[in-house]
Amino acid sequence: MSAQPVQHDHDPRVAAVPRNIQAIGNALGGAKRLAFYAEVLGAEAGEPINLVIEMWWREAMLDQLPGRAERLAAALARRGGTSLDELAVRVGSLD
């Protein structure tokens, strides 16, 4: 018996979002886009605006991942997980 490669009907790669204000704004939607533009417009030139662009570029890239919203919602709902606060209580009760 030999292993056969798994065939995918779609390309699993995510297209890169260019690191510029227009591309990042286009990649974000709704409230995120508004928050991004508010931060960009409020940032000073130089390092402050570069940090804003970097942070939101990462968010735009993550938003391109298929199923991200569902995984994030599941994580926030703590399905099958334990919060750090709950772990601290459990560890504290072992003393």
Protein backbone atom coordinates (compact mmCIF):
# COMPACT_ATOMS: atom_id res chain seq x y z
CA MET A 1 0.00 0.00 0.00
CA SER A 2 1.41 3.40 -0.92
CA ALA A 3 0.55 6.82 0.39
CA GLN A 4 -1.13 9.10 -2.10
CA PRO A 5 -0.88 12.89 -1.86
CA VAL A 6 -4.01 14.69 -0.75
CA GLN A 7 -5.61 16.63 -3.59
CA HIS A 8 -6.96 20.08 -2.78
CA ASP A 9 -9.53 21.79 -4.96
CA HIS A 10 -8.21 25.22 -4.05
CA ASP A 11 -4.85 26.86 -3.56
CA PRO A 12 -4.26 26.96 0.21
CA ARG A 13 -1.79 29.84 -0.07
CA VAL A 14 -2.91 33.28 1.00
CA ALA A 15 -2.15 36.24 -1.21
CA ALA A 16 0.16 38.74 0.43
CA VAL A 17 -1.21 42.15 1.30
CA PRO A 18 1.24 44.89 0.28
CA ARG A 19 2.51 46.97 3.22
CA ASN A 20 0.95 50.27 2.30
CA ILE A 21 -2.00 52.23 3.62
CA GLN A 22 -4.25 51.72 0.61
CA ALA A 23 -3.70 47.94 0.37
CA ILE A 24 -4.15 47.42 4.09
CA GLY A 25 -7.34 49.50 4.11
CA ASN A 26 -8.69 47.52 1.15
CA ALA A 27 -7.91 44.19 2.85
CA LEU A 28 -9.70 45.13 6.07
CA GLY A 29 -13.45 45.33 6.34
CA GLY A 30 -16.03 47.29 8.28
CA ALA A 31 -15.06 48.41 11.76
CA LYS A 32 -11.46 47.26 11.35
CA ARG A 33 -11.03 49.47 8.29
CA LEU A 34 -12.43 52.47 10.14
CA ALA A 35 -10.17 51.83 13.14
CA PHE A 36 -7.15 51.45 10.88
CA TYR A 37 -7.75 54.74 9.08
CA ALA A 38 -8.41 56.53 12.39
CA GLU A 39 -5.08 55.28 13.78
CA VAL A 40 -3.17 56.08 10.59
CA LEU A 41 -4.58 59.59 10.41
CA GLY A 42 -3.78 60.17 14.07
CA ALA A 43 -0.21 58.82 13.96
CA GLU A 44 2.81 61.05 13.70
CA ALA A 45 5.23 60.64 10.79
CA GLY A 46 8.15 58.29 11.15
CA GLU A 47 8.22 55.41 13.61
CA PRO A 48 4.71 55.98 15.07
CA ILE A 49 2.97 55.61 11.69
CA ASN A 50 5.28 52.73 10.75
CA LEU A 51 4.19 50.86 13.89
CA VAL A 52 0.50 51.44 13.07
CA ILE A 53 1.01 50.19 9.52
CA GLU A 54 2.92 47.11 10.74
CA MET A 55 0.28 46.18 13.32
CA TRP A 56 -2.63 46.55 10.92
CA TRP A 57 -0.75 44.82 8.08
CA ARG A 58 -0.46 41.76 10.31
CA GLU A 59 -4.18 41.94 11.08
CA ALA A 60 -4.97 42.25 7.35
CA MET A 61 -2.80 39.22 6.58
CA LEU A 62 -4.48 37.15 9.31
CA ASP A 63 -7.91 38.17 8.00
CA GLN A 64 -7.00 36.54 4.68
CA LEU A 65 -6.79 33.09 6.30
CA PRO A 66 -9.81 30.92 5.53
CA GLY A 67 -11.90 30.19 8.63
CA ARG A 68 -10.08 32.70 10.83
CA ALA A 69 -13.28 34.31 12.10
CA GLU A 70 -14.71 30.94 13.15
CA ARG A 71 -11.49 29.85 14.89
CA LEU A 72 -11.26 33.18 16.68
CA ALA A 73 -14.88 32.97 17.81
CA ALA A 74 -14.32 29.43 19.09
CA ALA A 75 -11.23 30.53 20.99
CA LEU A 76 -13.05 33.46 22.53
CA ALA A 77 -15.92 31.17 23.53
CA ARG A 78 -13.26 28.98 25.20
CA ARG A 79 -14.48 25.76 23.60
CA GLY A 80 -12.34 23.04 25.06
CA GLY A 81 -9.99 25.53 26.61
CA THR A 82 -9.08 26.81 30.04
CA SER A 83 -8.48 30.45 30.84
CA LEU A 84 -5.29 31.56 32.56
CA ASP A 85 -7.35 32.74 35.53
CA GLU A 86 -8.93 29.31 35.86
CA LEU A 87 -5.51 27.65 35.69
CA ALA A 88 -4.20 29.97 38.40
CA VAL A 89 -7.09 28.97 40.66
CA ARG A 90 -6.45 25.27 40.01
CA VAL A 91 -2.71 25.58 40.69
CA GLY A 92 -3.38 27.67 43.80
CA SER A 93 -5.73 24.99 45.16
CA LEU A 94 -2.90 22.43 44.99
CA ASP A 95 -0.91 24.24 47.67
